[in-house]
């Protein structure tokens, strides 16, 4: 059994990575590509010059891909989701009555 034909998968529990993009940024990049293909098709069908379509979509693709790679580098694998979740947490909780807290203690006593 010393000559095993099985290789060890060293990528277990690691997120997928494609050319520096990790996790959800791959999906953002794919969505950008699909959106720009649709934009190019709409512009081409509307009769806009082909070179203008290429310049517009090429510029948008360059700008969006730079932004996506920058977000991937800045926030990492889960950092962007954490930053978006942090914005939804309220800074202060205000309560002008004690009824809410009294209900909490009554429910705990019943258990």
PDB file of N, CA and C in Angstrom:
ATOM      1  N   UNK A   1       0.810  -1.208   0.000  1.00  0.00           N
ATOM      2  CA  UNK A   1       0.000   0.000   0.000  1.00  0.00           C
ATOM      3  C   UNK A   1       0.845   1.260   0.000  1.00  0.00           C
ATOM      4  N   UNK A   2       2.125   1.142  -0.205  1.00  0.00           N
ATOM      5  CA  UNK A   2       2.964   2.343  -0.207  1.00  0.00           C
ATOM      6  C   UNK A   2       2.794   3.138  -1.493  1.00  0.00           C
ATOM      7  N   UNK A   3       2.433   2.481  -2.577  1.00  0.00           N
ATOM      8  CA  UNK A   3       2.240   3.166  -3.852  1.00  0.00           C
ATOM      9  C   UNK A   3       0.760   3.476  -4.043  1.00  0.00           C
ATOM     10  N   UNK A   4       0.300   4.491  -3.383  1.00  0.00           N
ATOM     11  CA  UNK A   4      -1.108   4.861  -3.473  1.00  0.00           C
ATOM     12  C   UNK A   4      -1.343   5.711  -4.720  1.00  0.00           C
ATOM     13  N   UNK A   5      -2.433   5.459  -5.395  1.00  0.00           N
ATOM     14  CA  UNK A   5      -2.741   6.225  -6.595  1.00  0.00           C
ATOM     15  C   UNK A   5      -3.588   7.457  -6.281  1.00  0.00           C
ATOM     16  N   UNK A   6      -4.002   7.587  -5.039  1.00  0.00           N
ATOM     17  CA  UNK A   6      -4.839   8.720  -4.661  1.00  0.00           C
ATOM     18  C   UNK A   6      -3.973   9.905  -4.249  1.00  0.00           C
ATOM     19  N   UNK A   7      -4.375  11.082  -4.696  1.00  0.00           N
ATOM     20  CA  UNK A   7      -3.654  12.280  -4.294  1.00  0.00           C
ATOM     21  C   UNK A   7      -4.448  13.000  -3.221  1.00  0.00           C
ATOM     22  N   UNK A   8      -3.756  13.722  -2.404  1.00  0.00           N
ATOM     23  CA  UNK A   8      -4.399  14.448  -1.308  1.00  0.00           C
ATOM     24  C   UNK A   8      -4.883  15.790  -1.829  1.00  0.00           C
ATOM     25  N   UNK A   9      -6.149  16.072  -1.551  1.00  0.00           N
ATOM     26  CA  UNK A   9      -6.713  17.361  -1.932  1.00  0.00           C
ATOM     27  C   UNK A   9      -6.375  18.368  -0.835  1.00  0.00           C
ATOM     28  N   UNK A  10      -5.493  19.285  -1.124  1.00  0.00           N
ATOM     29  CA  UNK A  10      -5.076  20.261  -0.115  1.00  0.00           C
ATOM     30  C   UNK A  10      -5.966  21.495  -0.108  1.00  0.00           C
ATOM     31  N   UNK A  11      -7.013  21.514  -0.908  1.00  0.00           N
ATOM     32  CA  UNK A  11      -7.892  22.669  -0.979  1.00  0.00           C
ATOM     33  C   UNK A  11      -9.193  22.485  -0.225  1.00  0.00           C
ATOM     34  N   UNK A  12      -9.227  21.567   0.724  1.00  0.00           N
ATOM     35  CA  UNK A  12     -10.454  21.323   1.462  1.00  0.00           C
ATOM     36  C   UNK A  12     -10.762  22.524   2.351  1.00  0.00           C
ATOM     37  N   UNK A  13     -12.023  22.925   2.373  1.00  0.00           N
ATOM     38  CA  UNK A  13     -12.532  24.042   3.170  1.00  0.00           C
ATOM     39  C   UNK A  13     -11.939  25.395   2.788  1.00  0.00           C
ATOM     40  N   UNK A  14     -11.374  25.514   1.621  1.00  0.00           N
ATOM     41  CA  UNK A  14     -10.894  26.805   1.139  1.00  0.00           C
ATOM     42  C   UNK A  14     -11.884  27.317   0.109  1.00  0.00           C
ATOM     43  N   UNK A  15     -12.050  28.622   0.079  1.00  0.00           N
ATOM     44  CA  UNK A  15     -12.956  29.189  -0.907  1.00  0.00           C
ATOM     45  C   UNK A  15     -12.300  29.157  -2.285  1.00  0.00           C
ATOM     46  N   UNK A  16     -13.127  29.199  -3.310  1.00  0.00           N
ATOM     47  CA  UNK A  16     -12.593  29.164  -4.665  1.00  0.00           C
ATOM     48  C   UNK A  16     -11.900  30.486  -4.965  1.00  0.00           C
ATOM     49  N   UNK A  17     -10.905  30.417  -5.800  1.00  0.00           N
ATOM     50  CA  UNK A  17     -10.155  31.608  -6.183  1.00  0.00           C
ATOM     51  C   UNK A  17      -9.860  31.531  -7.669  1.00  0.00           C
ATOM     52  N   UNK A  18     -10.041  32.655  -8.347  1.00  0.00           N
ATOM     53  CA  UNK A  18      -9.759  32.713  -9.775  1.00  0.00           C
ATOM     54  C   UNK A  18      -8.999  33.995 -10.058  1.00  0.00           C
ATOM     55  N   UNK A  19      -7.733  33.869 -10.361  1.00  0.00           N
ATOM     56  CA  UNK A  19      -6.860  34.982 -10.698  1.00  0.00           C
ATOM     57  C   UNK A  19      -6.908  36.123  -9.673  1.00  0.00           C
ATOM     58  N   UNK A  20      -6.924  35.778  -8.417  1.00  0.00           N
ATOM     59  CA  UNK A  20      -6.914  36.780  -7.366  1.00  0.00           C
ATOM     60  C   UNK A  20      -8.284  37.143  -6.823  1.00  0.00           C
ATOM     61  N   UNK A  21      -9.340  36.788  -7.551  1.00  0.00           N
ATOM     62  CA  UNK A  21     -10.691  37.054  -7.059  1.00  0.00           C
ATOM     63  C   UNK A  21     -11.117  35.898  -6.176  1.00  0.00           C
ATOM     64  N   UNK A  22     -11.703  36.228  -5.028  1.00  0.00           N
ATOM     65  CA  UNK A  22     -12.123  35.183  -4.106  1.00  0.00           C
ATOM     66  C   UNK A  22     -13.615  35.293  -3.830  1.00  0.00           C
ATOM     67  N   UNK A  23     -14.201  34.164  -3.548  1.00  0.00           N
ATOM     68  CA  UNK A  23     -15.572  34.030  -3.041  1.00  0.00           C
ATOM     69  C   UNK A  23     -16.583  34.772  -3.904  1.00  0.00           C
ATOM     70  N   UNK A  24     -17.327  35.722  -3.300  1.00  0.00           N
ATOM     71  CA  UNK A  24     -18.443  36.365  -3.989  1.00  0.00           C
ATOM     72  C   UNK A  24     -17.981  37.304  -5.099  1.00  0.00           C
ATOM     73  N   UNK A  25     -16.717  37.714  -5.117  1.00  0.00           N
ATOM     74  CA  UNK A  25     -16.245  38.631  -6.150  1.00  0.00           C
ATOM     75  C   UNK A  25     -16.222  37.969  -7.526  1.00  0.00           C
ATOM     76  N   UNK A  26     -16.094  36.652  -7.548  1.00  0.00           N
ATOM     77  CA  UNK A  26     -16.174  35.939  -8.831  1.00  0.00           C
ATOM     78  C   UNK A  26     -17.569  36.102  -9.417  1.00  0.00           C
ATOM     79  N   UNK A  27     -18.597  36.032  -8.552  1.00  0.00           N
ATOM     80  CA  UNK A  27     -19.974  36.207  -9.020  1.00  0.00           C
ATOM     81  C   UNK A  27     -20.218  37.649  -9.467  1.00  0.00           C
ATOM     82  N   UNK A  28     -19.638  38.621  -8.751  1.00  0.00           N
ATOM     83  CA  UNK A  28     -19.785  40.016  -9.172  1.00  0.00           C
ATOM     84  C   UNK A  28     -19.154  40.220 -10.538  1.00  0.00           C
ATOM     85  N   UNK A  29     -17.994  39.611 -10.747  1.00  0.00           N
ATOM     86  CA  UNK A  29     -17.307  39.748 -12.030  1.00  0.00           C
ATOM     87  C   UNK A  29     -18.113  39.106 -13.156  1.00  0.00           C
ATOM     88  N   UNK A  30     -18.680  37.927 -12.892  1.00  0.00           N
ATOM     89  CA  UNK A  30     -19.498  37.252 -13.908  1.00  0.00           C
ATOM     90  C   UNK A  30     -20.751  38.068 -14.215  1.00  0.00           C
ATOM     91  N   UNK A  31     -21.356  38.659 -13.198  1.00  0.00           N
ATOM     92  CA  UNK A  31     -22.521  39.519 -13.420  1.00  0.00           C
ATOM     93  C   UNK A  31     -22.171  40.747 -14.239  1.00  0.00           C
ATOM     94  N   UNK A  32     -20.997  41.314 -13.985  1.00  0.00           N
ATOM     95  CA  UNK A  32     -20.546  42.462 -14.762  1.00  0.00           C
ATOM     96  C   UNK A  32     -20.358  42.083 -16.232  1.00  0.00           C
ATOM     97  N   UNK A  33     -19.742  40.938 -16.479  1.00  0.00           N
ATOM     98  CA  UNK A  33     -19.522  40.496 -17.863  1.00  0.00           C
ATOM     99  C   UNK A  33     -20.858  40.282 -18.565  1.00  0.00           C
ATOM    100  N   UNK A  34     -21.788  39.623 -17.897  1.00  0.00           N
ATOM    101  CA  UNK A  34     -23.103  39.386 -18.504  1.00  0.00           C
ATOM    102  C   UNK A  34     -23.838  40.700 -18.762  1.00  0.00           C
ATOM    103  N   UNK A  35     -23.782  41.607 -17.808  1.00  0.00           N
ATOM    104  CA  UNK A  35     -24.438  42.900 -17.973  1.00  0.00           C
ATOM    105  C   UNK A  35     -23.851  43.713 -19.120  1.00  0.00           C
ATOM    106  N   UNK A  36     -22.531  43.670 -19.261  1.00  0.00           N
ATOM    107  CA  UNK A  36     -21.897  44.416 -20.347  1.00  0.00           C
ATOM    108  C   UNK A  36     -22.170  43.786 -21.712  1.00  0.00           C
ATOM    109  N   UNK A  37     -22.312  42.468 -21.752  1.00  0.00           N
ATOM    110  CA  UNK A  37     -22.697  41.826 -23.017  1.00  0.00           C
ATOM    111  C   UNK A  37     -24.100  42.247 -23.420  1.00  0.00           C
ATOM    112  N   UNK A  38     -24.992  42.324 -22.451  1.00  0.00           N
ATOM    113  CA  UNK A  38     -26.357  42.769 -22.743  1.00  0.00           C
ATOM    114  C   UNK A  38     -26.348  44.231 -23.171  1.00  0.00           C
ATOM    115  N   UNK A  39     -25.551  45.065 -22.499  1.00  0.00           N
ATOM    116  CA  UNK A  39     -25.444  46.478 -22.883  1.00  0.00           C
ATOM    117  C   UNK A  39     -24.923  46.618 -24.304  1.00  0.00           C
ATOM    118  N   UNK A  40     -23.894  45.839 -24.659  1.00  0.00           N
ATOM    119  CA  UNK A  40     -23.363  45.897 -26.014  1.00  0.00           C
ATOM    120  C   UNK A  40     -24.423  45.485 -27.036  1.00  0.00           C
ATOM    121  N   UNK A  41     -25.173  44.435 -26.724  1.00  0.00           N
ATOM    122  CA  UNK A  41     -26.208  43.966 -27.652  1.00  0.00           C
ATOM    123  C   UNK A  41     -27.292  45.029 -27.835  1.00  0.00           C
ATOM    124  N   UNK A  42     -27.697  45.673 -26.754  1.00  0.00           N
ATOM    125  CA  UNK A  42     -28.740  46.713 -26.849  1.00  0.00           C
ATOM    126  C   UNK A  42     -28.238  47.888 -27.679  1.00  0.00           C
ATOM    127  N   UNK A  43     -27.022  48.322 -27.418  1.00  0.00           N
ATOM    128  CA  UNK A  43     -26.467  49.444 -28.186  1.00  0.00           C
ATOM    129  C   UNK A  43     -26.328  49.081 -29.668  1.00  0.00           C
ATOM    130  N   UNK A  44     -25.894  47.867 -29.944  1.00  0.00           N
ATOM    131  CA  UNK A  44     -25.702  47.438 -31.332  1.00  0.00           C
ATOM    132  C   UNK A  44     -27.043  47.348 -32.061  1.00  0.00           C
ATOM    133  N   UNK A  45     -28.062  46.829 -31.366  1.00  0.00           N
ATOM    134  CA  UNK A  45     -29.395  46.705 -31.979  1.00  0.00           C
ATOM    135  C   UNK A  45     -30.008  48.084 -32.222  1.00  0.00           C
ATOM    136  N   UNK A  46     -29.719  49.024 -31.324  1.00  0.00           N
ATOM    137  CA  UNK A  46     -30.247  50.388 -31.493  1.00  0.00           C
ATOM    138  C   UNK A  46     -29.573  51.135 -32.624  1.00  0.00           C
ATOM    139  N   UNK A  47     -28.514  50.610 -33.190  1.00  0.00           N
ATOM    140  CA  UNK A  47     -27.890  51.214 -34.350  1.00  0.00           C
ATOM    141  C   UNK A  47     -26.693  52.092 -34.036  1.00  0.00           C
ATOM    142  N   UNK A  48     -26.171  51.997 -32.830  1.00  0.00           N
ATOM    143  CA  UNK A  48     -24.976  52.769 -32.480  1.00  0.00           C
ATOM    144  C   UNK A  48     -23.785  52.149 -33.200  1.00  0.00           C
ATOM    145  N   UNK A  49     -22.854  52.993 -33.609  1.00  0.00           N
ATOM    146  CA  UNK A  49     -21.668  52.534 -34.316  1.00  0.00           C
ATOM    147  C   UNK A  49     -20.937  51.480 -33.487  1.00  0.00           C
ATOM    148  N   UNK A  50     -20.405  50.466 -34.160  1.00  0.00           N
ATOM    149  CA  UNK A  50     -19.756  49.347 -33.483  1.00  0.00           C
ATOM    150  C   UNK A  50     -18.566  49.806 -32.658  1.00  0.00           C
ATOM    151  N   UNK A  51     -17.781  50.729 -33.175  1.00  0.00           N
ATOM    152  CA  UNK A  51     -16.607  51.201 -32.446  1.00  0.00           C
ATOM    153  C   UNK A  51     -17.002  51.964 -31.186  1.00  0.00           C
ATOM    154  N   UNK A  52     -18.091  52.700 -31.254  1.00  0.00           N
ATOM    155  CA  UNK A  52     -18.582  53.411 -30.067  1.00  0.00           C
ATOM    156  C   UNK A  52     -19.070  52.401 -29.035  1.00  0.00           C
ATOM    157  N   UNK A  53     -19.758  51.358 -29.490  1.00  0.00           N
ATOM    158  CA  UNK A  53     -20.198  50.298 -28.576  1.00  0.00           C
ATOM    159  C   UNK A  53     -19.002  49.644 -27.891  1.00  0.00           C
ATOM    160  N   UNK A  54     -17.961  49.363 -28.661  1.00  0.00           N
ATOM    161  CA  UNK A  54     -16.769  48.731 -28.104  1.00  0.00           C
ATOM    162  C   UNK A  54     -16.066  49.635 -27.099  1.00  0.00           C
ATOM    163  N   UNK A  55     -15.976  50.917 -27.415  1.00  0.00           N
ATOM    164  CA  UNK A  55     -15.312  51.856 -26.508  1.00  0.00           C
ATOM    165  C   UNK A  55     -16.104  51.989 -25.211  1.00  0.00           C
ATOM    166  N   UNK A  56     -17.435  52.114 -25.318  1.00  0.00           N
ATOM    167  CA  UNK A  56     -18.261  52.259 -24.118  1.00  0.00           C
ATOM    168  C   UNK A  56     -18.202  51.011 -23.238  1.00  0.00           C
ATOM    169  N   UNK A  57     -18.416  49.858 -23.834  1.00  0.00           N
ATOM    170  CA  UNK A  57     -18.406  48.637 -23.030  1.00  0.00           C
ATOM    171  C   UNK A  57     -16.995  48.285 -22.560  1.00  0.00           C
ATOM    172  N   UNK A  58     -15.998  48.562 -23.373  1.00  0.00           N
ATOM    173  CA  UNK A  58     -14.614  48.304 -22.953  1.00  0.00           C
ATOM    174  C   UNK A  58     -14.200  49.194 -21.786  1.00  0.00           C
ATOM    175  N   UNK A  59     -14.579  50.457 -21.854  1.00  0.00           N
ATOM    176  CA  UNK A  59     -14.281  51.362 -20.745  1.00  0.00           C
ATOM    177  C   UNK A  59     -15.015  50.969 -19.476  1.00  0.00           C
ATOM    178  N   UNK A  60     -16.281  50.599 -19.631  1.00  0.00           N
ATOM    179  CA  UNK A  60     -17.055  50.162 -18.465  1.00  0.00           C
ATOM    180  C   UNK A  60     -16.479  48.863 -17.891  1.00  0.00           C
ATOM    181  N   UNK A  61     -16.052  47.962 -18.757  1.00  0.00           N
ATOM    182  CA  UNK A  61     -15.466  46.705 -18.289  1.00  0.00           C
ATOM    183  C   UNK A  61     -14.164  46.964 -17.540  1.00  0.00           C
ATOM    184  N   UNK A  62     -13.340  47.863 -18.057  1.00  0.00           N
ATOM    185  CA  UNK A  62     -12.084  48.187 -17.384  1.00  0.00           C
ATOM    186  C   UNK A  62     -12.338  48.796 -16.013  1.00  0.00           C
ATOM    187  N   UNK A  63     -13.219  49.773 -15.972  1.00  0.00           N
ATOM    188  CA  UNK A  63     -13.514  50.438 -14.706  1.00  0.00           C
ATOM    189  C   UNK A  63     -14.128  49.503 -13.675  1.00  0.00           C
ATOM    190  N   UNK A  64     -15.091  48.713 -14.106  1.00  0.00           N
ATOM    191  CA  UNK A  64     -15.756  47.789 -13.173  1.00  0.00           C
ATOM    192  C   UNK A  64     -14.807  46.696 -12.694  1.00  0.00           C
ATOM    193  N   UNK A  65     -13.979  46.165 -13.582  1.00  0.00           N
ATOM    194  CA  UNK A  65     -13.069  45.105 -13.159  1.00  0.00           C
ATOM    195  C   UNK A  65     -12.010  45.643 -12.202  1.00  0.00           C
ATOM    196  N   UNK A  66     -11.540  46.868 -12.424  1.00  0.00           N
ATOM    197  CA  UNK A  66     -10.587  47.468 -11.486  1.00  0.00           C
ATOM    198  C   UNK A  66     -11.243  47.637 -10.121  1.00  0.00           C
ATOM    199  N   UNK A  67     -12.493  48.086 -10.106  1.00  0.00           N
ATOM    200  CA  UNK A  67     -13.214  48.277  -8.847  1.00  0.00           C
ATOM    201  C   UNK A  67     -13.433  46.943  -8.127  1.00  0.00           C
ATOM    202  N   UNK A  68     -13.808  45.908  -8.865  1.00  0.00           N
ATOM    203  CA  UNK A  68     -14.042  44.595  -8.253  1.00  0.00           C
ATOM    204  C   UNK A  68     -12.745  44.023  -7.687  1.00  0.00           C
ATOM    205  N   UNK A  69     -11.638  44.145  -8.416  1.00  0.00           N
ATOM    206  CA  UNK A  69     -10.363  43.662  -7.902  1.00  0.00           C
ATOM    207  C   UNK A  69      -9.921  44.474  -6.685  1.00  0.00           C
ATOM    208  N   UNK A  70     -10.200  45.777  -6.682  1.00  0.00           N
ATOM    209  CA  UNK A  70      -9.855  46.607  -5.526  1.00  0.00           C
ATOM    210  C   UNK A  70     -10.675  46.207  -4.306  1.00  0.00           C
ATOM    211  N   UNK A  71     -11.967  45.939  -4.498  1.00  0.00           N
ATOM    212  CA  UNK A  71     -12.801  45.494  -3.386  1.00  0.00           C
ATOM    213  C   UNK A  71     -12.326  44.144  -2.856  1.00  0.00           C
ATOM    214  N   UNK A  72     -11.963  43.247  -3.763  1.00  0.00           N
ATOM    215  CA  UNK A  72     -11.471  41.936  -3.360  1.00  0.00           C
ATOM    216  C   UNK A  72     -10.185  42.074  -2.551  1.00  0.00           C
ATOM    217  N   UNK A  73      -9.317  42.964  -2.977  1.00  0.00           N
ATOM    218  CA  UNK A  73      -8.049  43.150  -2.273  1.00  0.00           C
ATOM    219  C   UNK A  73      -8.252  43.853  -0.940  1.00  0.00           C
ATOM    220  N   UNK A  74      -9.163  44.836  -0.893  1.00  0.00           N
ATOM    221  CA  UNK A  74      -9.362  45.617   0.327  1.00  0.00           C
ATOM    222  C   UNK A  74     -10.096  44.838   1.410  1.00  0.00           C
ATOM    223  N   UNK A  75     -11.195  44.188   1.040  1.00  0.00           N
ATOM    224  CA  UNK A  75     -12.034  43.548   2.043  1.00  0.00           C
ATOM    225  C   UNK A  75     -11.756  42.061   2.221  1.00  0.00           C
ATOM    226  N   UNK A  76     -11.190  41.420   1.254  1.00  0.00           N
ATOM    227  CA  UNK A  76     -10.908  39.992   1.385  1.00  0.00           C
ATOM    228  C   UNK A  76     -12.139  39.140   1.151  1.00  0.00           C
ATOM    229  N   UNK A  77     -12.098  37.936   1.681  1.00  0.00           N
ATOM    230  CA  UNK A  77     -13.112  36.939   1.371  1.00  0.00           C
ATOM    231  C   UNK A  77     -14.495  37.299   1.923  1.00  0.00           C
ATOM    232  N   UNK A  78     -14.562  37.681   3.187  1.00  0.00           N
ATOM    233  CA  UNK A  78     -15.858  37.959   3.803  1.00  0.00           C
ATOM    234  C   UNK A  78     -15.998  39.397   4.276  1.00  0.00           C
ATOM    235  N   UNK A  79     -14.995  40.218   4.079  1.00  0.00           N
ATOM    236  CA  UNK A  79     -14.988  41.561   4.641  1.00  0.00           C
ATOM    237  C   UNK A  79     -16.062  42.478   4.092  1.00  0.00           C
ATOM    238  N   UNK A  80     -16.399  42.360   2.812  1.00  0.00           N
ATOM    239  CA  UNK A  80     -17.415  43.234   2.221  1.00  0.00           C
ATOM    240  C   UNK A  80     -18.780  42.938   2.820  1.00  0.00           C
ATOM    241  N   UNK A  81     -19.093  41.666   3.030  1.00  0.00           N
ATOM    242  CA  UNK A  81     -20.369  41.315   3.661  1.00  0.00           C
ATOM    243  C   UNK A  81     -20.417  41.824   5.101  1.00  0.00           C
ATOM    244  N   UNK A  82     -19.294  41.754   5.805  1.00  0.00           N
ATOM    245  CA  UNK A  82     -19.244  42.265   7.170  1.00  0.00           C
ATOM    246  C   UNK A  82     -19.410  43.772   7.198  1.00  0.00           C
ATOM    247  N   UNK A  83     -18.811  44.471   6.247  1.00  0.00           N
ATOM    248  CA  UNK A  83     -18.935  45.928   6.195  1.00  0.00           C
ATOM    249  C   UNK A  83     -20.372  46.345   5.879  1.00  0.00           C
ATOM    250  N   UNK A  84     -21.034  45.614   4.977  1.00  0.00           N
ATOM    251  CA  UNK A  84     -22.427  45.929   4.656  1.00  0.00           C
ATOM    252  C   UNK A  84     -23.335  45.616   5.831  1.00  0.00           C
ATOM    253  N   UNK A  85     -23.051  44.546   6.577  1.00  0.00           N
ATOM    254  CA  UNK A  85     -23.859  44.200   7.746  1.00  0.00           C
ATOM    255  C   UNK A  85     -23.657  45.214   8.864  1.00  0.00           C
ATOM    256  N   UNK A  86     -22.443  45.729   8.986  1.00  0.00           N
ATOM    257  CA  UNK A  86     -22.142  46.701  10.041  1.00  0.00           C
ATOM    258  C   UNK A  86     -22.925  47.995   9.843  1.00  0.00           C
ATOM    259  N   UNK A  87     -23.194  48.355   8.602  1.00  0.00           N
ATOM    260  CA  UNK A  87     -23.956  49.567   8.313  1.00  0.00           C
ATOM    261  C   UNK A  87     -25.414  49.438   8.738  1.00  0.00           C
ATOM    262  N   UNK A  88     -25.925  48.216   8.841  1.00  0.00           N
ATOM    263  CA  UNK A  88     -27.327  48.004   9.185  1.00  0.00           C
ATOM    264  C   UNK A  88     -27.566  47.912  10.692  1.00  0.00           C
ATOM    265  N   UNK A  89     -26.508  47.853  11.482  1.00  0.00           N
ATOM    266  CA  UNK A  89     -26.659  47.789  12.936  1.00  0.00           C
ATOM    267  C   UNK A  89     -26.908  49.206  13.460  1.00  0.00           C
ATOM    268  N   UNK A  90     -27.952  49.398  14.253  1.00  0.00           N
ATOM    269  CA  UNK A  90     -28.220  50.750  14.756  1.00  0.00           C
ATOM    270  C   UNK A  90     -27.151  51.196  15.748  1.00  0.00           C
ATOM    271  N   UNK A  91     -26.879  52.481  15.758  1.00  0.00           N
ATOM    272  CA  UNK A  91     -25.872  53.022  16.661  1.00  0.00           C
ATOM    273  C   UNK A  91     -26.397  53.085  18.096  1.00  0.00           C
ATOM    274  N   UNK A  92     -27.690  53.443  18.245  1.00  0.00           N
ATOM    275  CA  UNK A  92     -28.276  53.627  19.566  1.00  0.00           C
ATOM    276  C   UNK A  92     -29.658  52.981  19.586  1.00  0.00           C
ATOM    277  N   UNK A  93     -29.992  52.340  20.697  1.00  0.00           N
ATOM    278  CA  UNK A  93     -31.336  51.827  20.913  1.00  0.00           C
ATOM    279  C   UNK A  93     -32.000  52.704  21.968  1.00  0.00           C
ATOM    280  N   UNK A  94     -33.135  53.294  21.625  1.00  0.00           N
ATOM    281  CA  UNK A  94     -33.839  54.153  22.561  1.00  0.00           C
ATOM    282  C   UNK A  94     -35.135  53.485  22.993  1.00  0.00           C
ATOM    283  N   UNK A  95     -35.382  53.540  24.272  1.00  0.00           N
ATOM    284  CA  UNK A  95     -36.627  53.015  24.810  1.00  0.00           C
ATOM    285  C   UNK A  95     -37.153  54.020  25.817  1.00  0.00           C
ATOM    286  N   UNK A  96     -38.392  54.446  25.636  1.00  0.00           N
ATOM    287  CA  UNK A  96     -38.988  55.436  26.511  1.00  0.00           C
ATOM    288  C   UNK A  96     -39.902  54.802  27.559  1.00  0.00           C
ATOM    289  N   UNK A  97     -39.984  53.490  27.570  1.00  0.00           N
ATOM    290  CA  UNK A  97     -40.814  52.800  28.539  1.00  0.00           C
ATOM    291  C   UNK A  97     -40.107  51.538  29.017  1.00  0.00           C
ATOM    292  N   UNK A  98     -40.478  51.059  30.193  1.00  0.00           N
ATOM    293  CA  UNK A  98     -39.862  49.871  30.755  1.00  0.00           C
ATOM    294  C   UNK A  98     -40.635  48.611  30.415  1.00  0.00           C
ATOM    295  N   UNK A  99     -41.750  48.732  29.742  1.00  0.00           N
ATOM    296  CA  UNK A  99     -42.614  47.577  29.485  1.00  0.00           C
ATOM    297  C   UNK A  99     -41.901  46.479  28.692  1.00  0.00           C
ATOM    298  N   UNK A 100     -41.115  46.874  27.735  1.00  0.00           N
ATOM    299  CA  UNK A 100     -40.410  45.876  26.914  1.00  0.00           C
ATOM    300  C   UNK A 100     -39.472  45.025  27.761  1.00  0.00           C
ATOM    301  N   UNK A 101     -38.767  45.656  28.691  1.00  0.00           N
ATOM    302  CA  UNK A 101     -37.823  44.919  29.526  1.00  0.00           C
ATOM    303  C   UNK A 101     -38.541  44.090  30.584  1.00  0.00           C
ATOM    304  N   UNK A 102     -39.677  44.575  31.054  1.00  0.00           N
ATOM    305  CA  UNK A 102     -40.448  43.802  32.019  1.00  0.00           C
ATOM    306  C   UNK A 102     -41.012  42.543  31.370  1.00  0.00           C
ATOM    307  N   UNK A 103     -41.408  42.628  30.119  1.00  0.00           N
ATOM    308  CA  UNK A 103     -41.902  41.447  29.406  1.00  0.00           C
ATOM    309  C   UNK A 103     -40.794  40.417  29.233  1.00  0.00           C
ATOM    310  N   UNK A 104     -39.583  40.888  29.009  1.00  0.00           N
ATOM    311  CA  UNK A 104     -38.468  39.960  28.847  1.00  0.00           C
ATOM    312  C   UNK A 104     -38.220  39.179  30.121  1.00  0.00           C
ATOM    313  N   UNK A 105     -38.246  39.844  31.259  1.00  0.00           N
ATOM    314  CA  UNK A 105     -37.972  39.141  32.516  1.00  0.00           C
ATOM    315  C   UNK A 105     -39.121  38.205  32.857  1.00  0.00           C
ATOM    316  N   UNK A 106     -40.337  38.554  32.519  1.00  0.00           N
ATOM    317  CA  UNK A 106     -41.476  37.665  32.789  1.00  0.00           C
ATOM    318  C   UNK A 106     -41.388  36.399  31.940  1.00  0.00           C
ATOM    319  N   UNK A 107     -40.962  36.521  30.702  1.00  0.00           N
ATOM    320  CA  UNK A 107     -40.838  35.354  29.831  1.00  0.00           C
ATOM    321  C   UNK A 107     -39.712  34.436  30.313  1.00  0.00           C
ATOM    322  N   UNK A 108     -38.642  35.008  30.827  1.00  0.00           N
ATOM    323  CA  UNK A 108     -37.545  34.189  31.327  1.00  0.00           C
ATOM    324  C   UNK A 108     -37.925  33.446  32.588  1.00  0.00           C
ATOM    325  N   UNK A 109     -38.774  34.077  33.431  1.00  0.00           N
ATOM    326  CA  UNK A 109     -39.195  33.425  34.668  1.00  0.00           C
ATOM    327  C   UNK A 109     -40.088  32.219  34.387  1.00  0.00           C
ATOM    328  N   UNK A 110     -40.862  32.266  33.306  1.00  0.00           N
ATOM    329  CA  UNK A 110     -41.767  31.155  32.972  1.00  0.00           C
ATOM    330  C   UNK A 110     -41.006  29.919  32.533  1.00  0.00           C
ATOM    331  N   UNK A 111     -39.822  30.092  32.003  1.00  0.00           N
ATOM    332  CA  UNK A 111     -39.037  28.952  31.510  1.00  0.00           C
ATOM    333  C   UNK A 111     -38.479  28.246  32.667  1.00  0.00           C
TER     334      UNK A 111
END
